[in-house]
Amino acid sequence: MNTRITHTTIIAFCSIFALVILDLAWDYAKGVPWLHIGSELAVLVIAAISAGLLLRLWLSERAAIGQLKSDLMAARQESQHWREQSREFVAGLGAAIRAKFGEWRLSEAECEIGLLLLKGFSHREIAELRETSERTVREQARSLYRKAGLNGRASLSAYFLEDLLLPQAPG
């Protein structure tokens, strides 16, 4: 609900309520017939009920927005905590990958290709990033797979991710 419209509407109903009260007092002092006063009382009740309902709706909406903000803050804090907690693990995984690349005796270019392949980049994207030809990237990737004794990109990813996945239950 638009807050500006809600405020304006509540103020309008409260103004109607106040004006009708003034009119009722004036009409009563002048001796206006009870039928007329009764109809103005009906307008007064409708304005009061409408203002009350709108105010209640607005207050509940404000409470819901407050809860959403609180939930968002908690989610951001949890996310930050997870990032801080996992930073060590990610750094450790990165170090383990680089160590394994060293064991496989990969060149610097092959190491870079390997990391980009693990991140999910295509040969074309890697070629663009490294400002080289796609053919060169394919050859360096083949060399990496041969030195590692792997069949391709899926095997490379599986090699490093296999131990990260939860073990299957026995049986």
Protein backbone atom coordinates (compact mmCIF):
# COMPACT_ATOMS: atom_id res chain seq x y z
CA MET A 1 0.00 0.00 0.00
CA ASN A 2 1.32 3.43 -0.91
CA THR A 3 2.18 5.20 2.36
CA ARG A 4 1.51 8.68 0.98
CA ILE A 5 -1.97 7.72 -0.24
CA THR A 6 -2.70 5.94 3.05
CA HIS A 7 -1.68 8.96 5.13
CA THR A 8 -3.74 11.28 2.93
CA THR A 9 -6.78 9.01 3.12
CA ILE A 10 -6.56 8.66 6.90
CA ILE A 11 -6.22 12.44 7.25
CA ALA A 12 -9.21 12.92 4.92
CA PHE A 13 -11.41 10.57 6.95
CA CYS A 14 -10.32 12.21 10.21
CA SER A 15 -11.09 15.63 8.70
CA ILE A 16 -14.53 14.43 7.61
CA PHE A 17 -15.06 13.06 11.11
CA ALA A 18 -14.09 16.41 12.72
CA LEU A 19 -16.18 18.47 10.28
CA VAL A 20 -19.23 16.28 10.79
CA ILE A 21 -18.89 16.68 14.57
CA LEU A 22 -18.79 20.47 14.15
CA ASP A 23 -21.77 20.35 11.79
CA LEU A 24 -23.71 18.15 14.22
CA ALA A 25 -23.06 20.55 17.09
CA TRP A 26 -24.14 23.50 14.96
CA ASP A 27 -27.24 21.70 13.64
CA TYR A 28 -28.24 20.58 17.14
CA ALA A 29 -27.91 24.17 18.43
CA LYS A 30 -30.15 25.40 15.59
CA GLY A 31 -32.79 22.74 16.24
CA VAL A 32 -32.36 20.87 12.95
CA PRO A 33 -34.71 17.84 12.61
CA TRP A 34 -33.48 14.56 14.10
CA LEU A 35 -33.63 12.79 10.73
CA HIS A 36 -30.96 15.17 9.41
CA ILE A 37 -28.84 14.75 12.55
CA GLY A 38 -29.25 10.96 12.30
CA SER A 39 -27.98 10.92 8.70
CA GLU A 40 -24.98 13.03 9.70
CA LEU A 41 -24.32 10.64 12.61
CA ALA A 42 -24.26 7.78 10.06
CA VAL A 43 -21.64 9.69 8.02
CA LEU A 44 -19.70 10.26 11.24
CA VAL A 45 -19.72 6.54 12.11
CA ILE A 46 -18.73 5.53 8.56
CA ALA A 47 -15.83 8.04 8.56
CA ALA A 48 -14.65 6.85 11.98
CA ILE A 49 -14.82 3.17 11.01
CA SER A 50 -13.08 3.82 7.68
CA ALA A 51 -10.28 5.83 9.33
CA GLY A 52 -9.87 3.12 11.98
CA LEU A 53 -9.71 0.31 9.43
CA LEU A 54 -7.21 2.18 7.28
CA LEU A 55 -5.09 2.99 10.32
CA ARG A 56 -5.15 -0.64 11.42
CA LEU A 57 -4.20 -1.80 7.92
CA TRP A 58 -1.39 0.74 7.74
CA LEU A 59 -0.04 -0.26 11.17
CA SER A 60 -0.10 -3.97 10.29
CA GLU A 61 1.66 -3.23 7.01
CA ARG A 62 4.33 -1.23 8.86
CA ALA A 63 4.81 -4.17 11.24
CA ALA A 64 5.13 -6.58 8.28
CA ILE A 65 7.69 -4.29 6.64
CA GLY A 66 9.61 -4.12 9.92
CA GLN A 67 9.62 -7.91 10.13
CA LEU A 68 10.82 -8.19 6.52
CA LYS A 69 13.65 -5.75 7.24
CA SER A 70 14.57 -7.72 10.33
CA ASP A 71 14.53 -11.00 8.37
CA LEU A 72 16.65 -9.44 5.62
CA MET A 73 19.19 -8.20 8.16
CA ALA A 74 19.37 -11.68 9.73
CA ALA A 75 19.82 -13.29 6.29
CA ARG A 76 22.61 -10.84 5.43
CA GLN A 77 24.36 -11.55 8.73
CA GLU A 78 24.04 -15.30 8.18
CA SER A 79 25.36 -14.95 4.65
CA GLN A 80 28.31 -12.88 5.86
CA HIS A 81 29.01 -15.45 8.59
CA TRP A 82 28.92 -18.28 6.02
CA ARG A 83 31.28 -16.40 3.69
CA GLU A 84 33.72 -15.77 6.53
CA GLN A 85 33.49 -19.36 7.71
CA SER A 86 33.91 -20.87 4.25
CA ARG A 87 36.75 -18.49 3.24
CA GLU A 88 39.24 -20.80 4.95
CA PHE A 89 37.83 -23.87 3.25
CA VAL A 90 37.83 -22.23 -0.17
CA ALA A 91 41.41 -21.05 0.35
CA GLY A 92 42.35 -24.58 1.40
CA LEU A 93 40.69 -26.07 -1.67
CA GLY A 94 42.49 -23.55 -3.87
CA ALA A 95 45.81 -24.48 -2.27
CA ALA A 96 45.07 -28.19 -2.71
CA ILE A 97 44.22 -27.68 -6.39
CA ARG A 98 47.44 -25.71 -6.98
CA ALA A 99 49.45 -28.40 -5.14
CA LYS A 100 47.92 -31.12 -7.30
CA PHE A 101 48.63 -29.06 -10.42
CA GLY A 102 52.26 -28.92 -9.23
CA GLU A 103 52.33 -32.71 -8.78
CA TRP A 104 51.05 -33.08 -12.33
CA ARG A 105 53.85 -30.72 -13.46
CA LEU A 106 51.51 -28.37 -15.28
CA SER A 107 52.87 -25.22 -16.89
CA GLU A 108 51.59 -21.83 -15.66
CA ALA A 109 49.34 -21.61 -18.71
CA GLU A 110 47.94 -25.10 -18.07
CA CYS A 111 47.32 -24.20 -14.41
CA GLU A 112 45.42 -21.11 -15.46
CA ILE A 113 43.44 -23.09 -18.05
CA GLY A 114 42.68 -25.73 -15.39
CA LEU A 115 41.36 -23.18 -12.91
CA LEU A 116 39.21 -21.51 -15.56
CA LEU A 117 37.85 -24.91 -16.67
CA LEU A 118 37.00 -25.73 -13.04
CA LYS A 119 35.15 -22.40 -12.80
CA GLY A 120 33.02 -23.45 -15.76
CA PHE A 121 34.37 -21.23 -18.53
CA SER A 122 34.14 -22.50 -22.11
CA HIS A 123 37.19 -22.81 -24.34
CA ARG A 124 36.05 -19.74 -26.26
CA GLU A 125 35.62 -17.71 -23.06
CA ILE A 126 39.04 -18.78 -21.80
CA ALA A 127 40.59 -17.81 -25.14
CA GLU A 128 39.00 -14.37 -24.90
CA LEU A 129 40.13 -13.92 -21.28
CA ARG A 130 43.69 -14.99 -22.08
CA GLU A 131 43.76 -13.19 -25.43
CA THR A 132 44.78 -16.30 -27.31
CA SER A 133 43.16 -18.62 -29.82
CA GLU A 134 40.55 -21.19 -28.93
CA ARG A 135 42.77 -23.82 -30.57
CA THR A 136 45.62 -22.97 -28.16
CA VAL A 137 43.27 -23.31 -25.20
CA ARG A 138 42.06 -26.70 -26.45
CA GLU A 139 45.63 -27.93 -26.85
CA GLN A 140 46.60 -26.72 -23.37
CA ALA A 141 43.50 -28.38 -21.93
CA ARG A 142 44.38 -31.68 -23.68
CA SER A 143 47.91 -31.43 -22.32
CA LEU A 144 46.53 -30.85 -18.81
CA TYR A 145 44.22 -33.89 -19.09
CA ARG A 146 47.07 -36.07 -20.43
CA LYS A 147 49.47 -35.05 -17.61
CA ALA A 148 46.74 -35.62 -15.00
CA GLY A 149 45.62 -38.94 -16.48
CA LEU A 150 42.06 -37.64 -16.87
CA ASN A 151 39.55 -37.95 -19.73
CA GLY A 152 38.33 -34.36 -19.88
CA ARG A 153 36.67 -31.47 -18.12
CA ALA A 154 34.12 -33.63 -16.25
CA SER A 155 36.89 -35.88 -14.91
CA LEU A 156 38.91 -32.82 -13.86
CA SER A 157 35.96 -31.39 -11.93
CA ALA A 158 35.08 -34.76 -10.42
CA TYR A 159 38.68 -35.27 -9.29
CA PHE A 160 38.50 -32.22 -7.04
CA LEU A 161 34.81 -32.35 -6.08
CA GLU A 162 34.51 -36.04 -5.26
CA ASP A 163 35.80 -35.67 -1.69
CA LEU A 164 33.66 -32.60 -1.06
CA LEU A 165 30.42 -34.47 -1.66
CA LEU A 166 28.77 -36.25 1.22
CA PRO A 167 29.62 -39.97 1.31
CA GLN A 168 26.87 -42.36 0.39
CA ALA A 169 25.30 -44.31 3.22
CA PRO A 170 26.43 -47.96 3.38
CA GLY A 171 24.11 -50.46 1.77
